[in-house]
Structure formats: C-alpha cells, structure tokens
C-alpha cells in the first residue's frame, strides 16, 4: 500500500491536511495531519478547510515533495485510500468538497515550487454537518497513522 508515496517521501516533505471536521468524513485530511504532527520527520500542517492560508509557509519550506491529504469522492468504497498525482487532478473524475480550492492550491504550488505534489485521497462515506466520523474513515485514519509511524521509524535506521 502507498508504495508510490513512499518513494516520494524525502527529508524535505510537507504534508498538508485539508478538511472541515464539522462535516463528518470531510475532516479526514485535517485529522490525519493532527494525528501525525510531531511523530514524523516531515513538516505537517493541519490547514482545516483553508489550505490557501498555508501556501506562503509551504513555499518558504522549499519541500521536494508536498502530500495533500483530503477527503475525495473518487467513486471508491468508503475509507478507500488512493494516491493521485497532481498533474492528473484536472482530468480525474472525482469530487473534493474543496474542489476549486484544491485545484487552485495545486496550481499555485506548481507555479512556485519545483516539488512533486501527491494527493492522498480518502473516500468519504458522508460529508454532512456532524462531528462524527464514519467507522470506515476512522479505520482508514488509523491505517494511515500507523503507516506514517512505521515509515518514520524505518527512516531512522
């Protein structure tokens, strides 16, 4: 799982978690960021629903890789995780609750950075107004948190 992403993780990596935790599963990316912050050797930002507020910081960080974690409806099973290359975002058949926002973020970063940009997409079950996650998203977040922890441990050896 996530072998492509693993190959792109470098010492200069920024992970940007996007999501509104008041819209159920939509908060997945933000929650992942808050769970792994300080536990991985990467710069991690929990942008909540406003990733554009972090663009200046990311550009100053000069990362080699930017990972954008977000709830994305790509037609998969709830809790399914996919890696999507930033270059294929405009042609991909998916819907993010931040769709125009995420496209603007990616375009801005591509114009201002020489970095690989990868979207870590998590298929939501529901994005209604609630602060409760579906069991599928809770499990996906646990899997991702453990995966990042394992990668961080392995990189120390």
N, C-alpha and C. Protein backbone atom coordinates (compact mmCIF):
# COMPACT_ATOMS: atom_id res chain seq x y z
N UNK A 1 0.84 -1.20 0.00
CA UNK A 1 0.00 0.00 0.00
C UNK A 1 0.87 1.25 0.00
N UNK A 2 0.51 2.23 -0.78
CA UNK A 2 1.16 3.53 -0.83
C UNK A 2 2.64 3.47 -1.20
N UNK A 3 3.02 2.50 -2.01
CA UNK A 3 4.42 2.36 -2.41
C UNK A 3 4.91 3.58 -3.21
N UNK A 4 4.04 4.11 -4.07
CA UNK A 4 4.41 5.30 -4.86
C UNK A 4 4.71 6.47 -3.92
N UNK A 5 3.84 6.67 -2.95
CA UNK A 5 4.05 7.76 -2.00
C UNK A 5 5.33 7.54 -1.21
N UNK A 6 5.58 6.32 -0.78
CA UNK A 6 6.77 6.01 -0.01
C UNK A 6 8.04 6.41 -0.77
N UNK A 7 8.05 6.19 -2.08
CA UNK A 7 9.21 6.54 -2.91
C UNK A 7 9.43 8.05 -2.96
N UNK A 8 8.38 8.83 -2.78
CA UNK A 8 8.48 10.29 -2.88
C UNK A 8 8.73 10.98 -1.54
N UNK A 9 8.58 10.26 -0.45
CA UNK A 9 8.82 10.89 0.84
C UNK A 9 10.32 11.15 0.98
N UNK A 10 10.66 12.37 1.28
CA UNK A 10 12.05 12.77 1.39
C UNK A 10 12.22 13.58 2.67
N UNK A 11 13.46 13.91 2.95
CA UNK A 11 13.70 14.71 4.14
C UNK A 11 13.05 16.09 4.04
N UNK A 12 12.80 16.55 2.84
CA UNK A 12 12.12 17.84 2.66
C UNK A 12 10.71 17.58 2.14
N UNK A 13 9.84 17.08 3.02
CA UNK A 13 8.46 16.79 2.66
C UNK A 13 7.52 17.61 3.53
N UNK A 14 6.50 18.15 2.90
CA UNK A 14 5.42 18.83 3.63
C UNK A 14 4.16 18.00 3.44
N UNK A 15 3.47 17.75 4.53
CA UNK A 15 2.17 17.09 4.48
C UNK A 15 1.13 18.14 4.87
N UNK A 16 0.18 18.38 3.98
CA UNK A 16 -0.87 19.37 4.20
C UNK A 16 -2.20 18.64 4.33
N UNK A 17 -2.75 18.64 5.53
CA UNK A 17 -4.05 18.01 5.77
C UNK A 17 -5.16 19.02 5.60
N UNK A 18 -6.13 18.69 4.76
CA UNK A 18 -7.24 19.59 4.47
C UNK A 18 -8.54 18.94 4.92
N UNK A 19 -9.45 19.74 5.50
CA UNK A 19 -10.76 19.20 5.82
C UNK A 19 -11.48 19.98 6.89
N UNK A 20 -12.78 19.87 6.85
CA UNK A 20 -13.64 20.53 7.81
C UNK A 20 -14.17 19.47 8.78
N UNK A 21 -13.69 19.48 10.00
CA UNK A 21 -14.06 18.45 10.97
C UNK A 21 -15.52 18.57 11.43
N UNK A 22 -16.20 19.62 11.03
CA UNK A 22 -17.62 19.76 11.36
C UNK A 22 -18.52 19.16 10.27
N UNK A 23 -17.88 18.58 9.24
CA UNK A 23 -18.63 17.94 8.14
C UNK A 23 -18.29 16.46 8.05
N UNK A 24 -18.28 15.80 9.18
CA UNK A 24 -18.08 14.35 9.21
C UNK A 24 -16.78 13.93 8.57
N UNK A 25 -16.87 13.04 7.59
CA UNK A 25 -15.70 12.45 6.95
C UNK A 25 -14.86 13.47 6.19
N UNK A 26 -15.43 14.63 5.89
CA UNK A 26 -14.68 15.67 5.19
C UNK A 26 -13.44 16.09 5.99
N UNK A 27 -13.45 15.89 7.29
CA UNK A 27 -12.33 16.28 8.14
C UNK A 27 -11.15 15.32 8.11
N UNK A 28 -11.21 14.28 7.29
CA UNK A 28 -10.19 13.22 7.29
C UNK A 28 -8.76 13.74 7.13
N UNK A 29 -8.52 14.59 6.16
CA UNK A 29 -7.16 15.09 5.91
C UNK A 29 -6.63 15.91 7.07
N UNK A 30 -7.47 16.78 7.61
CA UNK A 30 -7.07 17.60 8.75
C UNK A 30 -6.80 16.73 9.98
N UNK A 31 -7.65 15.73 10.20
CA UNK A 31 -7.46 14.84 11.35
C UNK A 31 -6.19 14.01 11.21
N UNK A 32 -5.89 13.55 10.00
CA UNK A 32 -4.66 12.81 9.79
C UNK A 32 -3.46 13.69 10.14
N UNK A 33 -3.47 14.92 9.66
CA UNK A 33 -2.36 15.84 9.95
C UNK A 33 -2.19 16.05 11.46
N UNK A 34 -3.28 16.26 12.16
CA UNK A 34 -3.17 16.49 13.61
C UNK A 34 -2.67 15.24 14.33
N UNK A 35 -2.99 14.06 13.81
CA UNK A 35 -2.56 12.81 14.45
C UNK A 35 -1.07 12.51 14.24
N UNK A 36 -0.52 12.90 13.08
CA UNK A 36 0.88 12.54 12.81
C UNK A 36 1.86 13.69 13.08
N UNK A 37 1.35 14.89 13.31
CA UNK A 37 2.21 16.04 13.56
C UNK A 37 3.11 15.76 14.77
N UNK A 38 4.40 15.95 14.60
CA UNK A 38 5.36 15.72 15.67
C UNK A 38 5.80 14.27 15.80
N UNK A 39 5.17 13.38 15.04
CA UNK A 39 5.52 11.95 15.11
C UNK A 39 6.26 11.48 13.86
N UNK A 40 6.36 12.36 12.87
CA UNK A 40 7.02 12.02 11.61
C UNK A 40 8.09 13.07 11.31
N UNK A 41 9.11 12.70 10.52
CA UNK A 41 10.20 13.65 10.24
C UNK A 41 9.87 14.62 9.10
N UNK A 42 8.61 14.96 8.96
CA UNK A 42 8.18 15.85 7.89
C UNK A 42 7.50 17.07 8.51
N UNK A 43 7.41 18.12 7.71
CA UNK A 43 6.66 19.30 8.14
C UNK A 43 5.19 18.98 7.90
N UNK A 44 4.36 19.13 8.92
CA UNK A 44 2.95 18.77 8.82
C UNK A 44 2.10 19.99 9.18
N UNK A 45 1.16 20.32 8.30
CA UNK A 45 0.22 21.40 8.55
C UNK A 45 -1.21 20.87 8.51
N UNK A 46 -1.98 21.21 9.53
CA UNK A 46 -3.43 20.96 9.54
C UNK A 46 -4.07 22.27 9.12
N UNK A 47 -4.47 22.35 7.86
CA UNK A 47 -5.00 23.62 7.35
C UNK A 47 -6.49 23.79 7.59
N UNK A 48 -7.13 22.75 8.14
CA UNK A 48 -8.58 22.83 8.26
C UNK A 48 -9.17 23.01 6.86
N UNK A 49 -10.24 23.80 6.74
CA UNK A 49 -10.86 23.98 5.43
C UNK A 49 -10.21 25.09 4.58
N UNK A 50 -9.10 25.68 5.05
CA UNK A 50 -8.50 26.82 4.33
C UNK A 50 -7.03 26.57 3.97
N UNK A 51 -6.75 25.67 3.04
CA UNK A 51 -5.36 25.37 2.68
C UNK A 51 -4.63 26.57 2.09
N UNK A 52 -5.36 27.48 1.48
CA UNK A 52 -4.71 28.65 0.86
C UNK A 52 -3.95 29.49 1.89
N UNK A 53 -4.34 29.42 3.17
CA UNK A 53 -3.64 30.17 4.21
C UNK A 53 -2.25 29.63 4.51
N UNK A 54 -1.91 28.45 3.98
CA UNK A 54 -0.62 27.81 4.26
C UNK A 54 0.33 27.83 3.08
N UNK A 55 -0.08 28.40 1.96
CA UNK A 55 0.75 28.37 0.76
C UNK A 55 2.08 29.10 0.94
N UNK A 56 2.06 30.25 1.58
CA UNK A 56 3.30 31.01 1.82
C UNK A 56 4.28 30.21 2.67
N UNK A 57 3.77 29.56 3.71
CA UNK A 57 4.63 28.75 4.58
C UNK A 57 5.24 27.59 3.79
N UNK A 58 4.42 26.93 2.98
CA UNK A 58 4.92 25.79 2.21
C UNK A 58 6.00 26.23 1.23
N UNK A 59 5.80 27.34 0.57
CA UNK A 59 6.79 27.84 -0.38
C UNK A 59 8.09 28.19 0.34
N UNK A 60 8.01 28.79 1.52
CA UNK A 60 9.21 29.10 2.30
C UNK A 60 9.94 27.83 2.75
N UNK A 61 9.19 26.75 2.97
CA UNK A 61 9.79 25.47 3.39
C UNK A 61 10.61 24.83 2.28
N UNK A 62 10.33 25.19 1.01
CA UNK A 62 11.03 24.64 -0.17
C UNK A 62 11.09 23.10 -0.14
N UNK A 63 9.95 22.44 -0.02
CA UNK A 63 9.98 20.97 0.02
C UNK A 63 10.26 20.35 -1.34
N UNK A 64 10.74 19.11 -1.31
CA UNK A 64 10.89 18.33 -2.54
C UNK A 64 9.59 17.64 -2.88
N UNK A 65 8.78 17.36 -1.84
CA UNK A 65 7.50 16.69 -2.03
C UNK A 65 6.45 17.36 -1.17
N UNK A 66 5.25 17.54 -1.73
CA UNK A 66 4.09 18.02 -0.97
C UNK A 66 3.03 16.93 -1.07
N UNK A 67 2.57 16.47 0.08
CA UNK A 67 1.49 15.49 0.14
C UNK A 67 0.26 16.22 0.66
N UNK A 68 -0.81 16.20 -0.12
CA UNK A 68 -2.07 16.84 0.28
C UNK A 68 -3.04 15.73 0.67
N UNK A 69 -3.37 15.66 1.95
CA UNK A 69 -4.32 14.65 2.44
C UNK A 69 -5.70 15.28 2.50
N UNK A 70 -6.68 14.63 1.85
CA UNK A 70 -8.01 15.23 1.76
C UNK A 70 -9.05 14.14 1.52
N UNK A 71 -10.27 14.40 1.97
CA UNK A 71 -11.41 13.53 1.64
C UNK A 71 -11.81 13.85 0.20
N UNK A 72 -11.81 12.81 -0.63
CA UNK A 72 -12.09 12.99 -2.05
C UNK A 72 -13.05 11.89 -2.50
N UNK A 73 -14.13 12.30 -3.14
CA UNK A 73 -15.07 11.31 -3.67
C UNK A 73 -14.61 10.92 -5.07
N UNK A 74 -13.95 9.77 -5.16
CA UNK A 74 -13.49 9.27 -6.45
C UNK A 74 -14.28 8.04 -6.86
N UNK A 75 -15.41 7.79 -6.17
CA UNK A 75 -16.28 6.68 -6.52
C UNK A 75 -15.85 5.35 -5.92
N UNK A 76 -14.95 5.39 -4.96
CA UNK A 76 -14.49 4.16 -4.32
C UNK A 76 -15.36 3.78 -3.13
N UNK A 77 -14.91 2.75 -2.40
CA UNK A 77 -15.61 2.32 -1.19
C UNK A 77 -15.24 3.27 -0.06
N UNK A 78 -16.16 3.60 0.84
CA UNK A 78 -15.81 4.47 1.97
C UNK A 78 -14.58 3.94 2.71
N UNK A 79 -13.64 4.85 2.95
CA UNK A 79 -12.40 4.51 3.63
C UNK A 79 -11.29 4.08 2.70
N UNK A 80 -11.60 3.91 1.41
CA UNK A 80 -10.55 3.53 0.43
C UNK A 80 -9.56 4.69 0.29
N UNK A 81 -8.30 4.35 0.12
CA UNK A 81 -7.23 5.35 0.03
C UNK A 81 -6.58 5.23 -1.35
N UNK A 82 -6.39 6.38 -1.99
CA UNK A 82 -5.71 6.41 -3.29
C UNK A 82 -4.69 7.53 -3.32
N UNK A 83 -3.65 7.31 -4.11
CA UNK A 83 -2.66 8.35 -4.39
C UNK A 83 -2.99 8.92 -5.77
N UNK A 84 -3.07 10.22 -5.86
CA UNK A 84 -3.38 10.86 -7.14
C UNK A 84 -2.29 11.88 -7.42
N UNK A 85 -1.66 11.77 -8.58
CA UNK A 85 -0.65 12.74 -8.98
C UNK A 85 -1.32 14.08 -9.25
N UNK A 86 -0.68 15.14 -8.83
CA UNK A 86 -1.26 16.48 -9.00
C UNK A 86 -1.55 16.78 -10.47
N UNK A 87 -0.73 16.28 -11.37
CA UNK A 87 -0.92 16.54 -12.79
C UNK A 87 -2.20 15.97 -13.35
N UNK A 88 -2.76 14.98 -12.68
CA UNK A 88 -3.98 14.35 -13.19
C UNK A 88 -5.24 14.85 -12.51
N UNK A 89 -5.12 15.84 -11.65
CA UNK A 89 -6.28 16.33 -10.90
C UNK A 89 -7.36 16.89 -11.81
N UNK A 90 -6.96 17.67 -12.79
CA UNK A 90 -7.98 18.32 -13.63
C UNK A 90 -8.71 17.33 -14.53
N UNK A 91 -8.06 16.21 -14.86
CA UNK A 91 -8.71 15.23 -15.72
C UNK A 91 -9.32 14.08 -14.92
N UNK A 92 -9.03 14.03 -13.63
CA UNK A 92 -9.55 12.94 -12.80
C UNK A 92 -11.05 13.11 -12.59
N UNK A 93 -11.72 11.99 -12.46
CA UNK A 93 -13.16 12.02 -12.24
C UNK A 93 -13.43 11.85 -10.74
N UNK A 94 -13.25 12.95 -9.99
CA UNK A 94 -13.52 12.89 -8.57
C UNK A 94 -14.03 14.24 -8.10
N UNK A 95 -14.55 14.24 -6.89
CA UNK A 95 -15.08 15.46 -6.32
C UNK A 95 -14.56 15.62 -4.91
N UNK A 96 -13.91 16.74 -4.65
CA UNK A 96 -13.49 17.09 -3.30
C UNK A 96 -14.43 18.19 -2.84
N UNK A 97 -14.75 18.21 -1.57
CA UNK A 97 -15.60 19.29 -1.09
C UNK A 97 -14.88 20.63 -1.22
N UNK A 98 -13.58 20.56 -1.48
CA UNK A 98 -12.77 21.77 -1.68
C UNK A 98 -12.30 21.81 -3.13
N UNK A 99 -13.10 21.28 -4.06
CA UNK A 99 -12.65 21.04 -5.42
C UNK A 99 -11.97 22.24 -6.07
N UNK A 100 -12.63 23.38 -6.12
CA UNK A 100 -11.98 24.52 -6.75
C UNK A 100 -10.80 24.98 -5.92
N UNK A 101 -10.95 24.93 -4.61
CA UNK A 101 -9.89 25.35 -3.72
C UNK A 101 -8.65 24.47 -3.88
N UNK A 102 -8.83 23.16 -3.94
CA UNK A 102 -7.68 22.27 -4.05
C UNK A 102 -6.99 22.43 -5.39
N UNK A 103 -7.75 22.68 -6.45
CA UNK A 103 -7.15 22.91 -7.76
C UNK A 103 -6.32 24.19 -7.76
N UNK A 104 -6.84 25.24 -7.13
CA UNK A 104 -6.09 26.50 -7.04
C UNK A 104 -4.82 26.31 -6.22
N UNK A 105 -4.91 25.56 -5.12
CA UNK A 105 -3.76 25.28 -4.27
C UNK A 105 -2.68 24.56 -5.07
N UNK A 106 -3.08 23.52 -5.79
CA UNK A 106 -2.12 22.74 -6.58
C UNK A 106 -1.48 23.61 -7.66
N UNK A 107 -2.30 24.36 -8.38
CA UNK A 107 -1.76 25.22 -9.44
C UNK A 107 -0.78 26.25 -8.89
N UNK A 108 -1.11 26.84 -7.76
CA UNK A 108 -0.23 27.85 -7.14
C UNK A 108 1.09 27.21 -6.72
N UNK A 109 1.02 26.03 -6.08
CA UNK A 109 2.25 25.35 -5.66
C UNK A 109 3.10 24.94 -6.86
N UNK A 110 2.46 24.47 -7.92
CA UNK A 110 3.22 24.06 -9.11
C UNK A 110 3.93 25.25 -9.75
N UNK A 111 3.34 26.44 -9.69
CA UNK A 111 3.96 27.62 -10.28
C UNK A 111 5.10 28.16 -9.41
N UNK A 112 5.06 27.89 -8.11
CA UNK A 112 6.01 28.49 -7.19
C UNK A 112 7.01 27.52 -6.57
N UNK A 113 6.88 26.24 -6.87
CA UNK A 113 7.79 25.22 -6.31
C UNK A 113 8.21 24.24 -7.39
N UNK A 114 9.39 23.70 -7.21
CA UNK A 114 9.81 22.55 -8.02
C UNK A 114 9.70 21.35 -7.09
N UNK A 115 8.48 20.86 -6.92
CA UNK A 115 8.23 19.76 -5.99
C UNK A 115 7.24 18.78 -6.59
N UNK A 116 7.36 17.52 -6.17
CA UNK A 116 6.34 16.54 -6.51
C UNK A 116 5.14 16.81 -5.62
N UNK A 117 3.96 16.82 -6.20
CA UNK A 117 2.74 17.04 -5.43
C UNK A 117 1.85 15.82 -5.60
N UNK A 118 1.52 15.21 -4.48
CA UNK A 118 0.72 13.99 -4.48
C UNK A 118 -0.49 14.21 -3.57
N UNK A 119 -1.67 13.84 -4.08
CA UNK A 119 -2.88 13.91 -3.25
C UNK A 119 -3.10 12.54 -2.64
N UNK A 120 -3.21 12.52 -1.33
CA UNK A 120 -3.55 11.31 -0.59
C UNK A 120 -5.05 11.40 -0.37
N UNK A 121 -5.80 10.73 -1.25
CA UNK A 121 -7.25 10.84 -1.28
C UNK A 121 -7.90 9.75 -0.43
N UNK A 122 -8.85 10.15 0.40
CA UNK A 122 -9.58 9.22 1.26
C UNK A 122 -11.06 9.33 0.89
N UNK A 123 -11.64 8.21 0.45
CA UNK A 123 -13.05 8.20 0.03
C UNK A 123 -13.96 8.37 1.25
N UNK A 124 -14.74 9.47 1.30
CA UNK A 124 -15.66 9.67 2.43
C UNK A 124 -16.93 8.84 2.28
N UNK A 125 -17.59 8.60 3.39
CA UNK A 125 -18.90 7.95 3.37
C UNK A 125 -19.98 9.03 3.40
N UNK A 126 -19.79 10.02 4.27
CA UNK A 126 -20.74 11.14 4.36
C UNK A 126 -19.99 12.42 4.68
N UNK A 127 -20.53 13.54 4.19
CA UNK A 127 -19.92 14.84 4.47
C UNK A 127 -20.98 15.81 4.98
N UNK A 128 -21.94 15.25 5.72
CA UNK A 128 -23.00 16.08 6.28
C UNK A 128 -22.48 16.79 7.54
N UNK A 129 -23.23 17.75 8.02
CA UNK A 129 -22.82 18.50 9.19
C UNK A 129 -22.93 17.64 10.45
N UNK A 130 -21.80 17.12 10.87
CA UNK A 130 -21.69 16.33 12.08
C UNK A 130 -20.21 16.28 12.46
N UNK A 131 -19.92 16.11 13.72
CA UNK A 131 -18.52 15.99 14.11
C UNK A 131 -18.13 14.53 14.33
N UNK A 132 -18.95 13.62 13.79
CA UNK A 132 -18.72 12.19 13.94
C UNK A 132 -18.20 11.61 12.63
N UNK A 133 -17.13 10.82 12.72
CA UNK A 133 -16.59 10.14 11.55
C UNK A 133 -17.31 8.81 11.34
N UNK A 134 -17.40 8.38 10.09
CA UNK A 134 -17.92 7.05 9.82
C UNK A 134 -16.87 6.03 10.29
N UNK A 135 -17.29 4.81 10.62
CA UNK A 135 -16.32 3.78 11.03
C UNK A 135 -15.26 3.52 9.97
N UNK A 136 -15.65 3.61 8.69
CA UNK A 136 -14.70 3.35 7.60
C UNK A 136 -13.58 4.39 7.57
N UNK A 137 -13.93 5.65 7.81
CA UNK A 137 -12.91 6.71 7.81
C UNK A 137 -12.06 6.61 9.07
N UNK A 138 -12.67 6.29 10.19
CA UNK A 138 -11.88 6.09 11.42
C UNK A 138 -10.83 5.01 11.21
N UNK A 139 -11.22 3.91 10.56
CA UNK A 139 -10.28 2.82 10.31
C UNK A 139 -9.20 3.26 9.31
N UNK A 140 -9.58 3.98 8.26
CA UNK A 140 -8.61 4.45 7.27
C UNK A 140 -7.58 5.37 7.92
N UNK A 141 -8.03 6.24 8.82
CA UNK A 141 -7.11 7.15 9.51
C UNK A 141 -6.15 6.38 10.40
N UNK A 142 -6.64 5.35 11.04
CA UNK A 142 -5.78 4.52 11.89
C UNK A 142 -4.71 3.82 11.03
N UNK A 143 -5.13 3.30 9.89
CA UNK A 143 -4.19 2.64 8.97
C UNK A 143 -3.12 3.63 8.51
N UNK A 144 -3.54 4.83 8.11
CA UNK A 144 -2.59 5.84 7.63
C UNK A 144 -1.66 6.32 8.74
N UNK A 145 -2.20 6.53 9.91
CA UNK A 145 -1.37 6.96 11.04
C UNK A 145 -0.29 5.90 11.34
N UNK A 146 -0.69 4.63 11.36
CA UNK A 146 0.27 3.55 11.59
C UNK A 146 1.30 3.46 10.46
N UNK A 147 0.84 3.66 9.22
CA UNK A 147 1.74 3.61 8.06
C UNK A 147 2.80 4.70 8.17
N UNK A 148 2.37 5.94 8.44
CA UNK A 148 3.33 7.04 8.57
C UNK A 148 4.27 6.81 9.75
N UNK A 149 3.77 6.29 10.85
CA UNK A 149 4.63 5.99 12.01
C UNK A 149 5.68 4.95 11.65
N UNK A 150 5.28 3.92 10.91
CA UNK A 150 6.22 2.87 10.50
C UNK A 150 7.28 3.44 9.55
N UNK A 151 6.86 4.28 8.61
CA UNK A 151 7.82 4.91 7.69
C UNK A 151 8.81 5.77 8.47
N UNK A 152 8.31 6.52 9.45
CA UNK A 152 9.18 7.37 10.27
C UNK A 152 10.18 6.52 11.05
N UNK A 153 9.72 5.42 11.63
CA UNK A 153 10.62 4.52 12.37
C UNK A 153 11.67 3.93 11.45
N UNK A 154 11.25 3.47 10.28
CA UNK A 154 12.18 2.85 9.33
C UNK A 154 13.21 3.83 8.81
N UNK A 155 12.82 5.10 8.69
CA UNK A 155 13.76 6.10 8.15
C UNK A 155 14.85 6.45 9.16
N UNK A 156 14.65 6.13 10.42
CA UNK A 156 15.66 6.41 11.45
C UNK A 156 16.76 5.36 11.46
N UNK A 157 16.51 4.23 10.81
CA UNK A 157 17.51 3.13 10.82
C UNK A 157 18.41 3.17 9.63
